[in-house]
């Protein structure tokens, strides 16, 4: 597959991007999807991008909820937003559940989940974006070699864990869609 045949992706963190940031969401009942999320995902896809969720879920390793419950949350997220896929990392080096207690390459700020999705879907990294509300999201995108967007709809610039420099800082996912559509118009001029 040549580069011309590859499709780009918008990689989306879950909490603070598609759903309300609540620290730890432990069940499907706690998952509060932003009312604009489904329309934004649809517009991302209409603009020729995959919409793929990339999310750290250390609550599994910490014993706060099971991987089975997380898979239920992921199913609901796919059903209610229309995202193409959800990749998650249940690990944490300080987890209390032995099976999930480890450092890994999938946990953001590492780029493992993005790399895995790129291999599976044949994604064009040069035209792809990582959208998140934390430093780890931006660092993962940078390590994967894709453009980065920091959103204020979650933790945002006021609560960054470390200094990072995103390609764009926007309010929420609606602004991401507007950016994609503006960039597409400029490329077609």
Protein backbone atom coordinates (compact mmCIF):
# COMPACT_ATOMS: atom_id res chain seq x y z
CA UNK A 1 0.00 0.00 0.00
CA UNK A 2 1.57 3.30 -1.13
CA UNK A 3 1.23 6.55 0.80
CA UNK A 4 -1.39 7.78 -1.67
CA UNK A 5 -3.58 4.81 -0.72
CA UNK A 6 -3.30 5.39 3.02
CA UNK A 7 -5.99 7.15 4.98
CA UNK A 8 -5.15 9.51 7.87
CA UNK A 9 -6.61 9.27 11.37
CA UNK A 10 -7.69 11.56 14.14
CA UNK A 11 -6.62 9.78 17.32
CA UNK A 12 -8.83 10.84 20.20
CA UNK A 13 -8.23 10.57 23.89
CA UNK A 14 -11.49 9.54 25.59
CA UNK A 15 -11.88 11.56 28.78
CA UNK A 16 -11.95 15.30 28.22
CA UNK A 17 -12.28 14.87 24.44
CA UNK A 18 -15.30 12.62 23.76
CA UNK A 19 -16.51 12.35 27.34
CA UNK A 20 -16.59 14.58 30.37
CA UNK A 21 -13.39 14.43 32.42
CA UNK A 22 -14.22 12.81 35.77
CA UNK A 23 -10.84 11.52 36.94
CA UNK A 24 -11.85 7.81 37.01
CA UNK A 25 -14.91 6.61 35.15
CA UNK A 26 -15.62 3.19 36.67
CA UNK A 27 -18.79 2.04 34.88
CA UNK A 28 -20.91 2.67 31.80
CA UNK A 29 -23.29 4.67 34.02
CA UNK A 30 -20.44 7.11 34.78
CA UNK A 31 -19.49 7.55 31.11
CA UNK A 32 -20.86 10.98 30.16
CA UNK A 33 -20.44 11.50 26.41
CA UNK A 34 -20.39 15.11 25.24
CA UNK A 35 -23.62 15.92 23.33
CA UNK A 36 -21.64 17.03 20.27
CA UNK A 37 -19.33 13.98 20.14
CA UNK A 38 -21.33 11.87 17.67
CA UNK A 39 -21.72 14.70 15.16
CA UNK A 40 -18.02 15.56 15.44
CA UNK A 41 -16.96 11.95 14.85
CA UNK A 42 -19.25 11.77 11.82
CA UNK A 43 -17.71 14.95 10.39
CA UNK A 44 -14.18 13.68 11.07
CA UNK A 45 -15.02 10.55 9.08
CA UNK A 46 -16.73 12.55 6.31
CA UNK A 47 -13.49 14.52 5.95
CA UNK A 48 -11.63 11.29 5.13
CA UNK A 49 -10.17 10.40 8.52
CA UNK A 50 -10.51 7.40 10.77
CA UNK A 51 -11.70 8.37 14.26
CA UNK A 52 -9.77 6.14 16.68
CA UNK A 53 -9.81 6.37 20.46
CA UNK A 54 -6.46 5.99 22.25
CA UNK A 55 -6.98 5.89 26.03
CA UNK A 56 -5.04 5.06 29.19
CA UNK A 57 -7.28 3.17 31.61
CA UNK A 58 -5.11 2.48 34.65
CA UNK A 59 -8.25 2.05 36.77
CA UNK A 60 -8.10 -1.60 35.66
CA UNK A 61 -4.58 -2.04 37.10
CA UNK A 62 -5.61 -0.11 40.20
CA UNK A 63 -8.55 -2.49 40.83
CA UNK A 64 -11.18 0.23 40.41
CA UNK A 65 -13.03 -1.61 37.63
CA UNK A 66 -12.56 -4.75 35.56
CA UNK A 67 -11.39 -5.06 31.99
CA UNK A 68 -14.82 -6.56 31.26
CA UNK A 69 -16.47 -3.35 32.51
CA UNK A 70 -14.03 -1.31 30.41
CA UNK A 71 -15.00 -3.31 27.31
CA UNK A 72 -18.67 -2.47 28.06
CA UNK A 73 -17.75 1.22 28.26
CA UNK A 74 -15.86 0.92 24.96
CA UNK A 75 -18.85 -0.74 23.29
CA UNK A 76 -21.13 2.04 24.48
CA UNK A 77 -18.66 4.66 23.26
CA UNK A 78 -18.50 3.06 19.80
CA UNK A 79 -22.29 2.73 19.65
CA UNK A 80 -23.01 6.28 20.77
CA UNK A 81 -20.25 8.14 18.92
CA UNK A 82 -19.51 5.99 15.86
CA UNK A 83 -15.73 5.92 16.38
CA UNK A 84 -13.94 3.36 14.24
CA UNK A 85 -12.04 1.69 17.06
CA UNK A 86 -10.99 1.99 20.70
CA UNK A 87 -7.46 1.13 21.82
CA UNK A 88 -6.82 1.13 25.55
CA UNK A 89 -3.98 0.51 27.97
CA UNK A 90 -5.09 -1.15 31.24
CA UNK A 91 -1.56 -1.20 32.69
CA UNK A 92 0.18 0.84 35.35
CA UNK A 93 3.56 0.16 36.99
CA UNK A 94 2.04 0.73 40.45
CA UNK A 95 -1.18 -1.23 39.87
CA UNK A 96 -2.51 -3.52 42.57
CA UNK A 97 -3.74 -6.16 40.09
CA UNK A 98 -0.67 -8.28 39.30
CA UNK A 99 -1.75 -9.08 35.74
CA UNK A 100 -1.77 -5.37 34.83
CA UNK A 101 1.11 -4.10 36.99
CA UNK A 102 3.86 -3.21 34.57
CA UNK A 103 5.43 -0.50 32.48
CA UNK A 104 4.51 -0.97 28.85
CA UNK A 105 4.84 0.58 25.41
CA UNK A 106 1.12 1.12 25.02
CA UNK A 107 0.61 3.50 27.95
CA UNK A 108 0.71 7.14 26.85
CA UNK A 109 3.03 9.05 26.66
CA UNK A 110 4.44 6.07 24.76
CA UNK A 111 3.11 5.68 21.22
CA UNK A 112 2.32 1.95 21.25
CA UNK A 113 -1.44 2.23 20.76
CA UNK A 114 -1.01 4.68 17.88
CA UNK A 115 1.62 2.44 16.27
CA UNK A 116 -0.66 -0.61 16.59
CA UNK A 117 -3.59 1.24 14.99
CA UNK A 118 -1.38 2.56 12.20
CA UNK A 119 -0.25 -0.97 11.36
CA UNK A 120 -3.76 -2.43 11.48
CA UNK A 121 -5.44 0.32 9.44
CA UNK A 122 -2.55 1.36 7.18
CA UNK A 123 -2.72 4.94 8.44
CA UNK A 124 -0.97 7.90 6.83
CA UNK A 125 0.86 9.43 9.80
CA UNK A 126 1.87 12.58 7.89
CA UNK A 127 -1.77 13.70 7.70
CA UNK A 128 -2.88 12.37 11.11
CA UNK A 129 -3.55 14.08 14.45
CA UNK A 130 -3.53 13.16 18.14
CA UNK A 131 -6.20 15.04 20.11
CA UNK A 132 -6.06 15.08 23.90
CA UNK A 133 -6.31 17.14 27.05
CA UNK A 134 -3.11 16.10 28.85
CA UNK A 135 0.65 16.25 28.34
CA UNK A 136 0.80 12.46 27.88
CA UNK A 137 -1.55 12.71 24.87
CA UNK A 138 0.61 15.35 23.21
CA UNK A 139 3.83 13.46 23.91
CA UNK A 140 2.35 10.23 22.49
CA UNK A 141 1.38 12.05 19.31
CA UNK A 142 4.81 13.62 19.00
CA UNK A 143 6.52 10.26 19.56
CA UNK A 144 4.31 8.76 16.85
CA UNK A 145 5.31 11.53 14.45
CA UNK A 146 1.84 13.05 14.05
CA UNK A 147 0.40 16.53 14.58
CA UNK A 148 -0.99 17.27 18.04
CA UNK A 149 -4.00 19.16 19.36
CA UNK A 150 -4.45 20.03 23.03
CA UNK A 151 -8.05 20.62 24.09
CA UNK A 152 -9.31 22.80 26.94
CA UNK A 153 -12.51 20.71 27.30
CA UNK A 154 -10.80 18.40 29.78
CA UNK A 155 -7.71 19.12 31.88
CA UNK A 156 -6.26 21.45 29.22
CA UNK A 157 -3.47 23.99 29.61
CA UNK A 158 -4.38 24.90 33.20
CA UNK A 159 -3.60 21.40 34.51
CA UNK A 160 -0.75 20.09 32.36
CA UNK A 161 1.50 17.62 34.19
CA UNK A 162 4.55 18.99 32.33
CA UNK A 163 5.40 21.55 29.68
CA UNK A 164 4.45 20.40 26.20
CA UNK A 165 3.97 22.28 22.99
CA UNK A 166 1.06 21.09 20.88
CA UNK A 167 0.70 22.09 17.24
CA UNK A 168 -2.71 23.54 18.13
CA UNK A 169 -4.56 24.46 21.33
CA UNK A 170 -8.34 24.47 20.84
CA UNK A 171 -11.42 24.62 23.04
CA UNK A 172 -13.14 21.32 22.18
CA UNK A 173 -13.78 18.67 19.54
CA UNK A 174 -16.02 21.01 17.53
CA UNK A 175 -12.98 23.25 16.95
CA UNK A 176 -10.97 20.21 15.80
CA UNK A 177 -13.58 19.51 13.12
CA UNK A 178 -13.49 23.15 12.01
CA UNK A 179 -9.68 23.00 11.78
CA UNK A 180 -9.80 19.82 9.67
CA UNK A 181 -12.36 21.36 7.33
CA UNK A 182 -10.37 24.62 7.00
CA UNK A 183 -7.15 22.69 6.30
CA UNK A 184 -8.97 20.60 3.67
CA UNK A 185 -10.25 23.74 1.92
CA UNK A 186 -6.75 25.27 1.91
CA UNK A 187 -5.24 22.09 0.41
CA UNK A 188 -7.84 22.11 -2.38
CA UNK A 189 -7.22 25.73 -3.43
